[in-house]
């Protein structure tokens, strides 16, 4: 059973998230918080496996709450919830130790997938935010700044890795480099979303990438 704490200042959003998560019998919502300060206290009290934190909350915002949770309850995996217009917080959340980033307009199945991934120790980044992160990291590289430089791979090394992929896998990887979601890539390639998802999993495994962002950066490094 995956134990979850939900933190969002809007009751209707909390109720919706609870309803979606509890539709999965392997997930239990143990507590809800209406602000960041309350979220930190509830995480200490309930020791959940996963915490869903809204970015914009009263008393203590989500990023500050994330830092507090990391200090006081390091075993808890934190997923940041936000809206499309707040994607500039993606890198900050990841730098603060967040296990992932999920847009509030994500599909119910994606929410459940993200919670399961976080509980399993994996990072999860909403496909809708991937392009923004890749662009930010690429900008960091161009300016010679830290985060982008840490992920950089030489073009030759990237091309050597990509050469191990099949032609179809390289096509899917190229679309990851554009920041497309599985559904968007499926439409472009005339494939089902489920088939694209299978390809993405295979690509991540072959390239030894931990998430879509690393794969997208490798695609750009390889010139796809």
N, C-alpha and C. Protein backbone atom coordinates (compact mmCIF):
# COMPACT_ATOMS: atom_id res chain seq x y z
N UNK A 1 0.83 -1.20 0.00
CA UNK A 1 0.00 0.00 0.00
C UNK A 1 0.87 1.25 0.00
N UNK A 2 0.61 2.16 -0.93
CA UNK A 2 1.34 3.43 -1.01
C UNK A 2 0.57 4.49 -0.22
N UNK A 3 1.19 5.04 0.80
CA UNK A 3 0.55 6.03 1.66
C UNK A 3 0.87 7.43 1.14
N UNK A 4 -0.18 8.26 0.99
CA UNK A 4 -0.02 9.56 0.34
C UNK A 4 -0.60 10.68 1.20
N UNK A 5 0.10 11.82 1.22
CA UNK A 5 -0.42 13.06 1.81
C UNK A 5 -0.62 14.05 0.65
N UNK A 6 -1.79 14.68 0.61
CA UNK A 6 -2.11 15.66 -0.42
C UNK A 6 -2.07 17.05 0.20
N UNK A 7 -1.38 17.99 -0.44
CA UNK A 7 -1.32 19.37 0.06
C UNK A 7 -1.70 20.34 -1.05
N UNK A 8 -2.86 20.98 -0.90
CA UNK A 8 -3.34 21.97 -1.87
C UNK A 8 -4.33 22.86 -1.14
N UNK A 9 -4.29 24.16 -1.41
CA UNK A 9 -5.17 25.07 -0.67
C UNK A 9 -6.59 25.10 -1.22
N UNK A 10 -6.87 24.40 -2.32
CA UNK A 10 -8.21 24.37 -2.88
C UNK A 10 -8.89 23.04 -2.54
N UNK A 11 -9.96 23.08 -1.73
CA UNK A 11 -10.64 21.85 -1.29
C UNK A 11 -11.12 20.97 -2.45
N UNK A 12 -11.63 21.59 -3.51
CA UNK A 12 -12.14 20.81 -4.63
C UNK A 12 -11.02 20.03 -5.33
N UNK A 13 -9.86 20.65 -5.43
CA UNK A 13 -8.73 19.96 -6.06
C UNK A 13 -8.28 18.80 -5.18
N UNK A 14 -8.21 19.04 -3.88
CA UNK A 14 -7.84 17.94 -2.97
C UNK A 14 -8.83 16.78 -3.08
N UNK A 15 -10.11 17.12 -3.14
CA UNK A 15 -11.14 16.08 -3.23
C UNK A 15 -11.01 15.30 -4.53
N UNK A 16 -10.72 16.02 -5.63
CA UNK A 16 -10.56 15.35 -6.91
C UNK A 16 -9.37 14.42 -6.92
N UNK A 17 -8.25 14.89 -6.36
CA UNK A 17 -7.05 14.06 -6.31
C UNK A 17 -7.28 12.83 -5.45
N UNK A 18 -7.94 13.04 -4.30
CA UNK A 18 -8.24 11.91 -3.41
C UNK A 18 -9.09 10.87 -4.14
N UNK A 19 -10.11 11.34 -4.83
CA UNK A 19 -11.01 10.42 -5.53
C UNK A 19 -10.26 9.59 -6.58
N UNK A 20 -9.36 10.27 -7.32
CA UNK A 20 -8.59 9.57 -8.35
C UNK A 20 -7.65 8.55 -7.72
N UNK A 21 -6.91 8.97 -6.71
CA UNK A 21 -5.93 8.08 -6.11
C UNK A 21 -6.57 6.88 -5.41
N UNK A 22 -7.65 7.12 -4.69
CA UNK A 22 -8.28 6.02 -3.96
C UNK A 22 -9.05 5.07 -4.87
N UNK A 23 -9.16 5.41 -6.15
CA UNK A 23 -9.76 4.46 -7.10
C UNK A 23 -8.80 3.30 -7.36
N UNK A 24 -7.54 3.51 -6.99
CA UNK A 24 -6.53 2.45 -7.08
C UNK A 24 -6.38 1.82 -5.69
N UNK A 25 -6.63 0.53 -5.61
CA UNK A 25 -6.63 -0.14 -4.30
C UNK A 25 -5.27 -0.20 -3.64
N UNK A 26 -4.20 0.10 -4.41
CA UNK A 26 -2.86 0.04 -3.83
C UNK A 26 -2.42 1.38 -3.24
N UNK A 27 -3.31 2.40 -3.31
CA UNK A 27 -2.96 3.73 -2.83
C UNK A 27 -3.92 4.16 -1.72
N UNK A 28 -3.37 4.70 -0.65
CA UNK A 28 -4.17 5.19 0.48
C UNK A 28 -3.81 6.64 0.77
N UNK A 29 -4.81 7.53 0.77
CA UNK A 29 -4.59 8.92 1.15
C UNK A 29 -4.75 9.01 2.66
N UNK A 30 -3.66 9.28 3.36
CA UNK A 30 -3.69 9.25 4.83
C UNK A 30 -3.98 10.60 5.45
N UNK A 31 -3.76 11.70 4.70
CA UNK A 31 -4.00 13.03 5.26
C UNK A 31 -4.04 14.07 4.15
N UNK A 32 -4.67 15.23 4.44
CA UNK A 32 -4.75 16.35 3.51
C UNK A 32 -4.36 17.64 4.22
N UNK A 33 -3.64 18.49 3.51
CA UNK A 33 -3.21 19.77 4.09
C UNK A 33 -3.68 20.92 3.19
N UNK A 34 -4.02 22.05 3.82
CA UNK A 34 -4.50 23.21 3.08
C UNK A 34 -3.42 24.27 2.90
N UNK A 35 -2.24 24.06 3.50
CA UNK A 35 -1.13 25.00 3.33
C UNK A 35 0.19 24.26 3.55
N UNK A 36 1.28 24.90 3.19
CA UNK A 36 2.57 24.25 3.26
C UNK A 36 3.00 23.89 4.67
N UNK A 37 2.72 24.76 5.61
CA UNK A 37 3.12 24.50 7.00
C UNK A 37 2.42 23.26 7.54
N UNK A 38 1.13 23.18 7.26
CA UNK A 38 0.35 22.01 7.69
C UNK A 38 0.86 20.74 7.01
N UNK A 39 1.26 20.88 5.75
CA UNK A 39 1.77 19.73 5.01
C UNK A 39 3.01 19.15 5.68
N UNK A 40 3.93 20.02 6.06
CA UNK A 40 5.16 19.57 6.72
C UNK A 40 4.84 18.84 8.02
N UNK A 41 3.90 19.38 8.79
CA UNK A 41 3.52 18.76 10.07
C UNK A 41 2.87 17.39 9.85
N UNK A 42 2.00 17.30 8.84
CA UNK A 42 1.32 16.03 8.57
C UNK A 42 2.29 14.97 8.05
N UNK A 43 3.25 15.38 7.29
CA UNK A 43 4.26 14.43 6.81
C UNK A 43 5.04 13.88 7.98
N UNK A 44 5.39 14.72 8.93
CA UNK A 44 6.10 14.26 10.13
C UNK A 44 5.24 13.29 10.92
N UNK A 45 3.95 13.56 11.01
CA UNK A 45 3.05 12.73 11.82
C UNK A 45 2.71 11.39 11.16
N UNK A 46 2.49 11.42 9.83
CA UNK A 46 2.00 10.22 9.15
C UNK A 46 3.07 9.43 8.39
N UNK A 47 4.24 10.00 8.21
CA UNK A 47 5.34 9.32 7.51
C UNK A 47 4.86 8.66 6.21
N UNK A 48 4.30 9.44 5.28
CA UNK A 48 3.80 8.86 4.03
C UNK A 48 4.93 8.44 3.10
N UNK A 49 4.58 7.65 2.12
CA UNK A 49 5.56 7.27 1.09
C UNK A 49 5.71 8.38 0.07
N UNK A 50 4.58 9.03 -0.26
CA UNK A 50 4.57 10.07 -1.30
C UNK A 50 3.79 11.28 -0.81
N UNK A 51 4.28 12.47 -1.15
CA UNK A 51 3.60 13.73 -0.83
C UNK A 51 3.32 14.47 -2.13
N UNK A 52 2.07 14.89 -2.32
CA UNK A 52 1.71 15.73 -3.46
C UNK A 52 1.61 17.16 -2.97
N UNK A 53 2.52 18.02 -3.43
CA UNK A 53 2.60 19.40 -2.94
C UNK A 53 2.25 20.40 -4.04
N UNK A 54 1.28 21.25 -3.76
CA UNK A 54 0.98 22.35 -4.68
C UNK A 54 2.08 23.41 -4.55
N UNK A 55 2.42 24.06 -5.65
CA UNK A 55 3.43 25.12 -5.60
C UNK A 55 2.93 26.34 -4.84
N UNK A 56 1.73 26.81 -5.19
CA UNK A 56 1.20 28.03 -4.61
C UNK A 56 0.27 27.70 -3.44
N UNK A 57 0.75 27.92 -2.21
CA UNK A 57 -0.05 27.69 -1.01
C UNK A 57 0.20 28.78 0.01
N UNK A 58 -0.78 29.08 0.86
CA UNK A 58 -0.57 30.09 1.90
C UNK A 58 0.33 29.59 3.03
N UNK A 59 0.82 30.54 3.83
CA UNK A 59 1.67 30.29 5.01
C UNK A 59 3.06 29.76 4.63
N UNK A 60 3.10 28.81 3.72
CA UNK A 60 4.38 28.27 3.26
C UNK A 60 4.16 27.70 1.86
N UNK A 61 4.91 28.20 0.87
CA UNK A 61 4.70 27.71 -0.50
C UNK A 61 5.27 26.30 -0.67
N UNK A 62 4.93 25.68 -1.80
CA UNK A 62 5.31 24.30 -2.03
C UNK A 62 6.80 24.05 -2.06
N UNK A 63 7.57 24.96 -2.65
CA UNK A 63 9.01 24.77 -2.72
C UNK A 63 9.67 24.85 -1.35
N UNK A 64 9.19 25.78 -0.51
CA UNK A 64 9.71 25.87 0.85
C UNK A 64 9.32 24.64 1.65
N UNK A 65 8.07 24.20 1.47
CA UNK A 65 7.60 22.99 2.15
C UNK A 65 8.42 21.77 1.70
N UNK A 66 8.75 21.73 0.41
CA UNK A 66 9.56 20.63 -0.11
C UNK A 66 10.90 20.57 0.61
N UNK A 67 11.55 21.72 0.76
CA UNK A 67 12.84 21.76 1.45
C UNK A 67 12.71 21.29 2.89
N UNK A 68 11.61 21.70 3.56
CA UNK A 68 11.39 21.29 4.95
C UNK A 68 11.16 19.78 5.04
N UNK A 69 10.38 19.25 4.12
CA UNK A 69 10.11 17.81 4.12
C UNK A 69 11.40 17.03 3.89
N UNK A 70 12.24 17.53 2.98
CA UNK A 70 13.51 16.86 2.72
C UNK A 70 14.39 16.81 3.96
N UNK A 71 14.32 17.86 4.76
CA UNK A 71 15.14 17.91 5.98
C UNK A 71 14.58 17.02 7.08
N UNK A 72 13.26 17.09 7.29
CA UNK A 72 12.67 16.39 8.43
C UNK A 72 12.18 14.98 8.12
N UNK A 73 11.83 14.72 6.86
CA UNK A 73 11.29 13.40 6.48
C UNK A 73 11.89 12.95 5.16
N UNK A 74 13.19 12.68 5.13
CA UNK A 74 13.87 12.39 3.87
C UNK A 74 13.37 11.15 3.15
N UNK A 75 12.68 10.25 3.85
CA UNK A 75 12.18 9.04 3.20
C UNK A 75 10.97 9.32 2.32
N UNK A 76 10.29 10.43 2.57
CA UNK A 76 9.09 10.76 1.80
C UNK A 76 9.49 11.26 0.41
N UNK A 77 8.82 10.77 -0.61
CA UNK A 77 9.06 11.20 -1.99
C UNK A 77 8.04 12.28 -2.34
N UNK A 78 8.51 13.41 -2.84
CA UNK A 78 7.64 14.57 -3.06
C UNK A 78 7.41 14.81 -4.55
N UNK A 79 6.13 14.86 -4.93
CA UNK A 79 5.74 15.23 -6.28
C UNK A 79 5.15 16.64 -6.23
N UNK A 80 5.62 17.51 -7.08
CA UNK A 80 5.14 18.88 -7.11
C UNK A 80 3.97 19.00 -8.08
N UNK A 81 2.88 19.61 -7.62
CA UNK A 81 1.70 19.87 -8.44
C UNK A 81 1.68 21.34 -8.84
N UNK A 82 1.42 21.62 -10.10
CA UNK A 82 1.37 23.01 -10.51
C UNK A 82 0.55 23.16 -11.79
N UNK A 83 0.39 24.39 -12.24
CA UNK A 83 -0.35 24.65 -13.47
C UNK A 83 0.63 24.92 -14.60
N UNK A 84 0.13 24.93 -15.81
CA UNK A 84 0.98 25.09 -16.99
C UNK A 84 1.81 26.37 -16.92
N UNK A 85 1.23 27.45 -16.42
CA UNK A 85 1.90 28.74 -16.40
C UNK A 85 3.00 28.88 -15.37
N UNK A 86 3.18 27.86 -14.51
CA UNK A 86 4.18 27.95 -13.44
C UNK A 86 5.37 27.03 -13.69
N UNK A 87 5.60 26.65 -14.96
CA UNK A 87 6.62 25.65 -15.25
C UNK A 87 8.04 26.12 -14.95
N UNK A 88 8.21 27.43 -14.75
CA UNK A 88 9.56 27.91 -14.43
C UNK A 88 10.04 27.34 -13.10
N UNK A 89 9.12 26.77 -12.32
CA UNK A 89 9.49 26.20 -11.03
C UNK A 89 9.98 24.76 -11.15
N UNK A 90 9.92 24.19 -12.35
CA UNK A 90 10.31 22.79 -12.51
C UNK A 90 11.72 22.52 -12.03
N UNK A 91 12.68 23.28 -12.57
CA UNK A 91 14.08 23.05 -12.20
C UNK A 91 14.32 23.30 -10.72
N UNK A 92 13.71 24.32 -10.17
CA UNK A 92 13.87 24.61 -8.75
C UNK A 92 13.38 23.44 -7.91
N UNK A 93 12.24 22.88 -8.30
CA UNK A 93 11.69 21.74 -7.55
C UNK A 93 12.62 20.54 -7.63
N UNK A 94 13.13 20.25 -8.82
CA UNK A 94 14.03 19.12 -8.99
C UNK A 94 15.34 19.34 -8.24
N UNK A 95 15.83 20.57 -8.26
CA UNK A 95 17.08 20.89 -7.55
C UNK A 95 16.90 20.74 -6.04
N UNK A 96 15.66 20.97 -5.54
CA UNK A 96 15.39 20.85 -4.11
C UNK A 96 15.11 19.41 -3.69
N UNK A 97 15.24 18.48 -4.60
CA UNK A 97 15.06 17.08 -4.24
C UNK A 97 13.70 16.50 -4.55
N UNK A 98 12.90 17.20 -5.33
CA UNK A 98 11.59 16.67 -5.68
C UNK A 98 11.70 15.42 -6.54
N UNK A 99 10.76 14.49 -6.34
CA UNK A 99 10.79 13.24 -7.09
C UNK A 99 10.12 13.38 -8.44
N UNK A 100 9.51 14.54 -8.67
CA UNK A 100 8.86 14.73 -9.96
C UNK A 100 7.98 15.95 -9.99
N UNK A 101 7.38 16.14 -11.14
CA UNK A 101 6.62 17.36 -11.40
C UNK A 101 5.40 16.98 -12.22
N UNK A 102 4.22 17.36 -11.75
CA UNK A 102 2.98 16.96 -12.40
C UNK A 102 2.09 18.17 -12.61
N UNK A 103 1.62 18.35 -13.85
CA UNK A 103 0.70 19.44 -14.13
C UNK A 103 -0.70 19.08 -13.64
N UNK A 104 -1.43 20.07 -13.13
CA UNK A 104 -2.75 19.80 -12.55
C UNK A 104 -3.78 19.34 -13.58
N UNK A 105 -3.54 19.63 -14.84
CA UNK A 105 -4.49 19.19 -15.86
C UNK A 105 -4.11 17.82 -16.44
N UNK A 106 -3.21 17.11 -15.75
CA UNK A 106 -2.82 15.77 -16.21
C UNK A 106 -3.99 14.81 -16.11
N UNK A 107 -3.96 13.77 -16.91
CA UNK A 107 -5.01 12.76 -16.89
C UNK A 107 -4.96 11.96 -15.59
N UNK A 108 -6.11 11.46 -15.12
CA UNK A 108 -6.12 10.66 -13.88
C UNK A 108 -5.12 9.51 -13.89
N UNK A 109 -5.01 8.82 -15.01
CA UNK A 109 -4.08 7.69 -15.09
C UNK A 109 -2.64 8.16 -14.89
N UNK A 110 -2.32 9.37 -15.36
CA UNK A 110 -0.97 9.90 -15.19
C UNK A 110 -0.68 10.20 -13.73
N UNK A 111 -1.69 10.71 -13.02
CA UNK A 111 -1.53 10.99 -11.59
C UNK A 111 -1.19 9.71 -10.84
N UNK A 112 -1.93 8.66 -11.11
CA UNK A 112 -1.68 7.37 -10.45
C UNK A 112 -0.30 6.84 -10.84
N UNK A 113 0.04 6.96 -12.11
CA UNK A 113 1.36 6.51 -12.58
C UNK A 113 2.48 7.25 -11.88
N UNK A 114 2.31 8.57 -11.71
CA UNK A 114 3.34 9.39 -11.07
C UNK A 114 3.54 8.98 -9.61
N UNK A 115 2.44 8.73 -8.90
CA UNK A 115 2.53 8.33 -7.49
C UNK A 115 3.21 6.98 -7.37
N UNK A 116 2.84 6.05 -8.23
CA UNK A 116 3.49 4.72 -8.20
C UNK A 116 4.98 4.83 -8.50
N UNK A 117 5.32 5.66 -9.49
CA UNK A 117 6.74 5.82 -9.86
C UNK A 117 7.53 6.41 -8.70
N UNK A 118 6.97 7.44 -8.08
CA UNK A 118 7.66 8.09 -6.95
C UNK A 118 7.85 7.10 -5.80
N UNK A 119 6.80 6.33 -5.51
CA UNK A 119 6.88 5.35 -4.42
C UNK A 119 7.93 4.29 -4.70
N UNK A 120 8.14 4.00 -5.98
CA UNK A 120 9.13 2.98 -6.36
C UNK A 120 10.55 3.54 -6.40
N UNK A 121 10.68 4.84 -6.12
CA UNK A 121 11.99 5.46 -6.11
C UNK A 121 12.42 6.06 -7.42
N UNK A 122 11.48 6.10 -8.40
CA UNK A 122 11.80 6.66 -9.70
C UNK A 122 11.40 8.13 -9.77
N UNK A 123 12.04 8.87 -10.66
CA UNK A 123 11.66 10.26 -10.90
C UNK A 123 10.54 10.30 -11.93
N UNK A 124 9.63 11.24 -11.79
CA UNK A 124 8.54 11.37 -12.77
C UNK A 124 8.40 12.82 -13.18
N UNK A 125 8.42 13.04 -14.47
CA UNK A 125 8.23 14.39 -14.98
C UNK A 125 7.11 14.37 -16.00
N UNK A 126 6.09 15.17 -15.76
CA UNK A 126 4.96 15.23 -16.67
C UNK A 126 5.43 15.53 -18.08
N UNK A 127 4.97 14.75 -19.08
CA UNK A 127 5.37 15.04 -20.47
C UNK A 127 5.09 16.48 -20.87
N UNK A 128 4.03 17.07 -20.31
CA UNK A 128 3.69 18.44 -20.65
C UNK A 128 4.73 19.46 -20.20
N UNK A 129 5.61 19.07 -19.27
CA UNK A 129 6.63 19.98 -18.79
C UNK A 129 8.02 19.66 -19.33
N UNK A 130 8.14 18.55 -20.05
CA UNK A 130 9.45 18.10 -20.52
C UNK A 130 10.13 19.13 -21.41
N UNK A 131 9.39 19.67 -22.39
CA UNK A 131 10.01 20.60 -23.34
C UNK A 131 10.57 21.81 -22.61
N UNK A 132 9.83 22.32 -21.62
CA UNK A 132 10.30 23.50 -20.88
C UNK A 132 11.61 23.19 -20.16
N UNK A 133 11.69 22.03 -19.53
CA UNK A 133 12.90 21.68 -18.80
C UNK A 133 14.09 21.54 -19.76
N UNK A 134 13.86 20.87 -20.89
CA UNK A 134 14.93 20.70 -21.87
C UNK A 134 15.43 22.06 -22.36
N UNK A 135 14.51 22.96 -22.65
CA UNK A 135 14.90 24.30 -23.11
C UNK A 135 15.70 25.04 -22.05
N UNK A 136 15.26 24.91 -20.79
CA UNK A 136 15.97 25.58 -19.70
C UNK A 136 17.38 25.02 -19.53
N UNK A 137 17.51 23.69 -19.60
CA UNK A 137 18.83 23.08 -19.46
C UNK A 137 19.73 23.44 -20.64
N UNK A 138 19.14 23.48 -21.83
CA UNK A 138 19.93 23.86 -23.01
C UNK A 138 20.42 25.30 -22.89
N UNK A 139 19.57 26.17 -22.36
CA UNK A 139 19.97 27.56 -22.15
C UNK A 139 21.11 27.65 -21.14
N UNK A 140 21.03 26.81 -20.11
CA UNK A 140 22.09 26.78 -19.11
C UNK A 140 23.41 26.36 -19.70
N UNK A 141 23.36 25.41 -20.63
CA UNK A 141 24.58 24.98 -21.28
C UNK A 141 25.19 26.11 -22.10
N UNK A 142 24.33 26.78 -22.85
CA UNK A 142 24.81 27.85 -23.73
C UNK A 142 25.49 28.94 -22.92
N UNK A 143 25.00 29.16 -21.72
CA UNK A 143 25.57 30.19 -20.87
C UNK A 143 26.69 29.65 -19.99
N UNK A 144 26.94 28.33 -20.08
CA UNK A 144 28.00 27.74 -19.27
C UNK A 144 27.63 27.60 -17.82
N UNK A 145 26.30 27.44 -17.53
CA UNK A 145 25.87 27.38 -16.14
C UNK A 145 25.70 25.93 -15.72
N UNK A 146 25.64 25.76 -14.38
CA UNK A 146 25.65 24.47 -13.72
C UNK A 146 24.74 23.38 -14.20
N UNK A 147 23.42 23.52 -14.06
CA UNK A 147 22.52 22.40 -14.29
C UNK A 147 22.66 21.84 -15.69
N UNK A 148 22.69 22.71 -16.69
CA UNK A 148 22.84 22.23 -18.04
C UNK A 148 24.17 21.52 -18.24
N UNK A 149 25.23 22.04 -17.66
CA UNK A 149 26.54 21.47 -17.85
C UNK A 149 26.64 20.08 -17.22
N UNK A 150 25.94 19.85 -16.11
CA UNK A 150 26.01 18.56 -15.46
C UNK A 150 25.43 17.45 -16.32
N UNK A 151 24.44 17.79 -17.18
CA UNK A 151 23.79 16.78 -17.99
C UNK A 151 24.41 16.66 -19.37
N UNK A 152 25.42 17.45 -19.69
CA UNK A 152 25.92 17.52 -21.07
C UNK A 152 26.69 16.27 -21.45
N UNK A 153 26.47 15.82 -22.69
CA UNK A 153 27.18 14.70 -23.29
C UNK A 153 27.71 15.20 -24.61
N UNK A 154 28.94 14.78 -24.99
CA UNK A 154 29.50 15.24 -26.26
C UNK A 154 28.65 14.69 -27.40
N UNK A 155 28.56 15.44 -28.52
CA UNK A 155 27.78 14.96 -29.67
C UNK A 155 28.21 13.58 -30.14
N UNK A 156 29.51 13.31 -30.15
CA UNK A 156 30.01 12.01 -30.61
C UNK A 156 29.53 10.89 -29.69
N UNK A 157 29.63 11.13 -28.39
CA UNK A 157 29.18 10.11 -27.43
C UNK A 157 27.68 9.90 -27.52
N UNK A 158 26.93 10.98 -27.72
CA UNK A 158 25.48 10.88 -27.84
C UNK A 158 25.10 10.09 -29.09
N UNK A 159 25.77 10.39 -30.21
CA UNK A 159 25.49 9.66 -31.45
C UNK A 159 25.82 8.18 -31.32
N UNK A 160 26.88 7.86 -30.59
CA UNK A 160 27.25 6.45 -30.39
C UNK A 160 26.17 5.72 -29.60
N UNK A 161 25.61 6.39 -28.60
CA UNK A 161 24.54 5.77 -27.81
C UNK A 161 23.30 5.57 -28.66
N UNK A 162 22.94 6.59 -29.40
CA UNK A 162 21.73 6.55 -30.20
C UNK A 162 21.84 5.51 -31.32
N UNK A 163 23.05 5.22 -31.77
CA UNK A 163 23.25 4.25 -32.85
C UNK A 163 22.77 2.86 -32.47
N UNK A 164 22.67 2.60 -31.16
CA UNK A 164 22.23 1.28 -30.70
C UNK A 164 20.72 1.11 -30.83
N UNK A 165 20.00 2.18 -31.13
CA UNK A 165 18.55 2.13 -31.24
C UNK A 165 18.13 1.74 -32.66
N UNK A 166 16.93 1.17 -32.76
CA UNK A 166 16.37 0.88 -34.07
C UNK A 166 15.91 2.19 -34.72
N UNK A 167 15.62 2.13 -36.01
CA UNK A 167 15.18 3.34 -36.71
C UNK A 167 13.90 3.89 -36.08
N UNK A 168 12.96 3.02 -35.74
CA UNK A 168 11.71 3.46 -35.12
C UNK A 168 11.98 4.07 -33.75
N UNK A 169 12.87 3.48 -32.97
CA UNK A 169 13.21 4.01 -31.65
C UNK A 169 13.85 5.38 -31.77
N UNK A 170 14.69 5.57 -32.78
CA UNK A 170 15.30 6.89 -32.98
C UNK A 170 14.24 7.92 -33.34
N UNK A 171 13.23 7.49 -34.09
CA UNK A 171 12.13 8.41 -34.42
C UNK A 171 11.37 8.84 -33.19
N UNK A 172 11.11 7.90 -32.30
CA UNK A 172 10.41 8.24 -31.06
C UNK A 172 11.29 9.14 -30.20
N UNK A 173 12.59 8.82 -30.13
CA UNK A 173 13.52 9.63 -29.33
C UNK A 173 13.58 11.06 -29.85
N UNK A 174 13.56 11.24 -31.16
CA UNK A 174 13.60 12.59 -31.73
C UNK A 174 12.40 13.40 -31.26
N UNK A 175 11.23 12.76 -31.14
CA UNK A 175 10.04 13.47 -30.69
C UNK A 175 10.11 13.76 -29.19
N UNK A 176 10.78 12.90 -28.44
CA UNK A 176 11.02 13.22 -27.03
C UNK A 176 11.88 14.48 -26.93
N UNK A 177 12.83 14.59 -27.86
CA UNK A 177 13.69 15.78 -27.88
C UNK A 177 12.93 17.05 -28.15
N UNK A 178 11.78 16.92 -28.82
CA UNK A 178 10.93 18.08 -29.07
C UNK A 178 10.00 18.35 -27.89
N UNK A 179 10.00 17.45 -26.89
CA UNK A 179 9.15 17.63 -25.73
C UNK A 179 7.74 17.13 -25.91
N UNK A 180 7.50 16.28 -26.91
CA UNK A 180 6.15 15.78 -27.15
C UNK A 180 5.76 14.73 -26.11
N UNK A 181 4.48 14.70 -25.77
CA UNK A 181 3.96 13.67 -24.89
C UNK A 181 3.80 12.38 -25.68
N UNK A 182 3.49 11.28 -24.99
CA UNK A 182 3.27 10.01 -25.68
C UNK A 182 2.12 10.13 -26.68
N UNK A 183 1.06 10.81 -26.28
CA UNK A 183 -0.11 10.96 -27.15
C UNK A 183 0.24 11.78 -28.39
N UNK A 184 1.00 12.87 -28.20
CA UNK A 184 1.39 13.71 -29.33
C UNK A 184 2.33 12.96 -30.27
N UNK A 185 3.26 12.21 -29.70
CA UNK A 185 4.18 11.42 -30.53
C UNK A 185 3.41 10.36 -31.31
N UNK A 186 2.42 9.76 -30.66
CA UNK A 186 1.62 8.74 -31.33
C UNK A 186 0.89 9.29 -32.54
N UNK A 187 0.34 10.48 -32.42
CA UNK A 187 -0.35 11.11 -33.55
C UNK A 187 0.63 11.40 -34.68
N UNK A 188 1.82 11.87 -34.32
CA UNK A 188 2.82 12.20 -35.34
C UNK A 188 3.29 10.94 -36.09
N UNK A 189 3.40 9.83 -35.35
CA UNK A 189 3.94 8.60 -35.94
C UNK A 189 2.86 7.61 -36.35
N UNK A 190 1.59 7.99 -36.15
CA UNK A 190 0.46 7.11 -36.46
C UNK A 190 0.56 5.80 -35.66
N UNK A 191 0.83 5.97 -34.37
CA UNK A 191 0.92 4.84 -33.45
C UNK A 191 0.01 5.10 -32.27
N UNK A 192 -0.38 4.04 -31.56
CA UNK A 192 -1.19 4.22 -30.37
C UNK A 192 -0.33 4.77 -29.24
N UNK A 193 -0.97 5.44 -28.28
CA UNK A 193 -0.23 5.98 -27.14
C UNK A 193 0.46 4.86 -26.36
N UNK A 194 -0.24 3.71 -26.23
CA UNK A 194 0.34 2.58 -25.50
C UNK A 194 1.60 2.06 -26.19
N UNK A 195 1.59 2.05 -27.52
CA UNK A 195 2.77 1.59 -28.26
C UNK A 195 3.94 2.55 -28.06
N UNK A 196 3.64 3.85 -28.10
CA UNK A 196 4.69 4.85 -27.87
C UNK A 196 5.27 4.68 -26.47
N UNK A 197 4.40 4.45 -25.49
CA UNK A 197 4.85 4.26 -24.11
C UNK A 197 5.82 3.09 -24.02
N UNK A 198 5.51 2.00 -24.74
CA UNK A 198 6.39 0.83 -24.76
C UNK A 198 7.75 1.20 -25.36
N UNK A 199 7.72 1.96 -26.46
CA UNK A 199 8.97 2.39 -27.08
C UNK A 199 9.78 3.27 -26.14
N UNK A 200 9.11 4.19 -25.45
CA UNK A 200 9.81 5.09 -24.54
C UNK A 200 10.51 4.30 -23.44
N UNK A 201 9.81 3.33 -22.86
CA UNK A 201 10.41 2.50 -21.80
C UNK A 201 11.64 1.77 -22.32
N UNK A 202 11.54 1.25 -23.56
CA UNK A 202 12.65 0.52 -24.16
C UNK A 202 13.83 1.46 -24.41
N UNK A 203 13.52 2.67 -24.89
CA UNK A 203 14.56 3.66 -25.18
C UNK A 203 15.29 4.06 -23.89
N UNK A 204 14.54 4.34 -22.84
CA UNK A 204 15.16 4.73 -21.57
C UNK A 204 16.09 3.63 -21.06
N UNK A 205 15.66 2.39 -21.23
CA UNK A 205 16.47 1.27 -20.78
C UNK A 205 17.75 1.13 -21.61
N UNK A 206 17.62 1.21 -22.92
CA UNK A 206 18.79 1.06 -23.79
C UNK A 206 19.80 2.18 -23.61
N UNK A 207 19.29 3.40 -23.41
CA UNK A 207 20.18 4.56 -23.29
C UNK A 207 20.64 4.79 -21.85
N UNK A 208 20.10 3.98 -20.93
CA UNK A 208 20.41 4.12 -19.50
C UNK A 208 20.07 5.52 -19.01
N UNK A 209 18.90 6.00 -19.42
CA UNK A 209 18.40 7.30 -18.98
C UNK A 209 17.36 7.09 -17.87
N UNK A 210 17.41 7.93 -16.86
CA UNK A 210 16.50 7.78 -15.74
C UNK A 210 15.11 8.33 -16.00
N UNK A 211 14.98 9.25 -16.97
CA UNK A 211 13.69 9.86 -17.23
C UNK A 211 13.67 10.47 -18.63
N UNK A 212 12.50 11.01 -19.01
CA UNK A 212 12.31 11.55 -20.35
C UNK A 212 13.21 12.76 -20.62
N UNK A 213 13.49 13.55 -19.58
CA UNK A 213 14.31 14.74 -19.78
C UNK A 213 15.73 14.34 -20.20
N UNK A 214 16.30 13.35 -19.53
CA UNK A 214 17.64 12.90 -19.89
C UNK A 214 17.65 12.37 -21.32
N UNK A 215 16.60 11.64 -21.70
CA UNK A 215 16.52 11.12 -23.07
C UNK A 215 16.38 12.26 -24.07
N UNK A 216 15.57 13.26 -23.73
CA UNK A 216 15.37 14.40 -24.63
C UNK A 216 16.67 15.17 -24.83
N UNK A 217 17.43 15.34 -23.78
CA UNK A 217 18.72 16.04 -23.89
C UNK A 217 19.70 15.23 -24.74
N UNK A 218 19.67 13.91 -24.57
CA UNK A 218 20.56 13.06 -25.37
C UNK A 218 20.18 13.17 -26.85
N UNK A 219 18.89 13.25 -27.13
CA UNK A 219 18.44 13.40 -28.51
C UNK A 219 19.00 14.68 -29.11
N UNK A 220 18.97 15.74 -28.35
CA UNK A 220 19.49 17.02 -28.85
C UNK A 220 21.01 16.95 -29.02
N UNK A 221 21.68 16.31 -28.07
CA UNK A 221 23.14 16.18 -28.17
C UNK A 221 23.53 15.39 -29.43
N UNK A 222 22.68 14.40 -29.78
CA UNK A 222 22.96 13.56 -30.94
C UNK A 222 22.55 14.22 -32.26
N UNK A 223 21.90 15.37 -32.17
CA UNK A 223 21.50 16.08 -33.36
C UNK A 223 20.21 15.59 -33.98
N UNK A 224 19.41 14.85 -33.21
CA UNK A 224 18.13 14.37 -33.75
C UNK A 224 17.12 15.50 -33.82
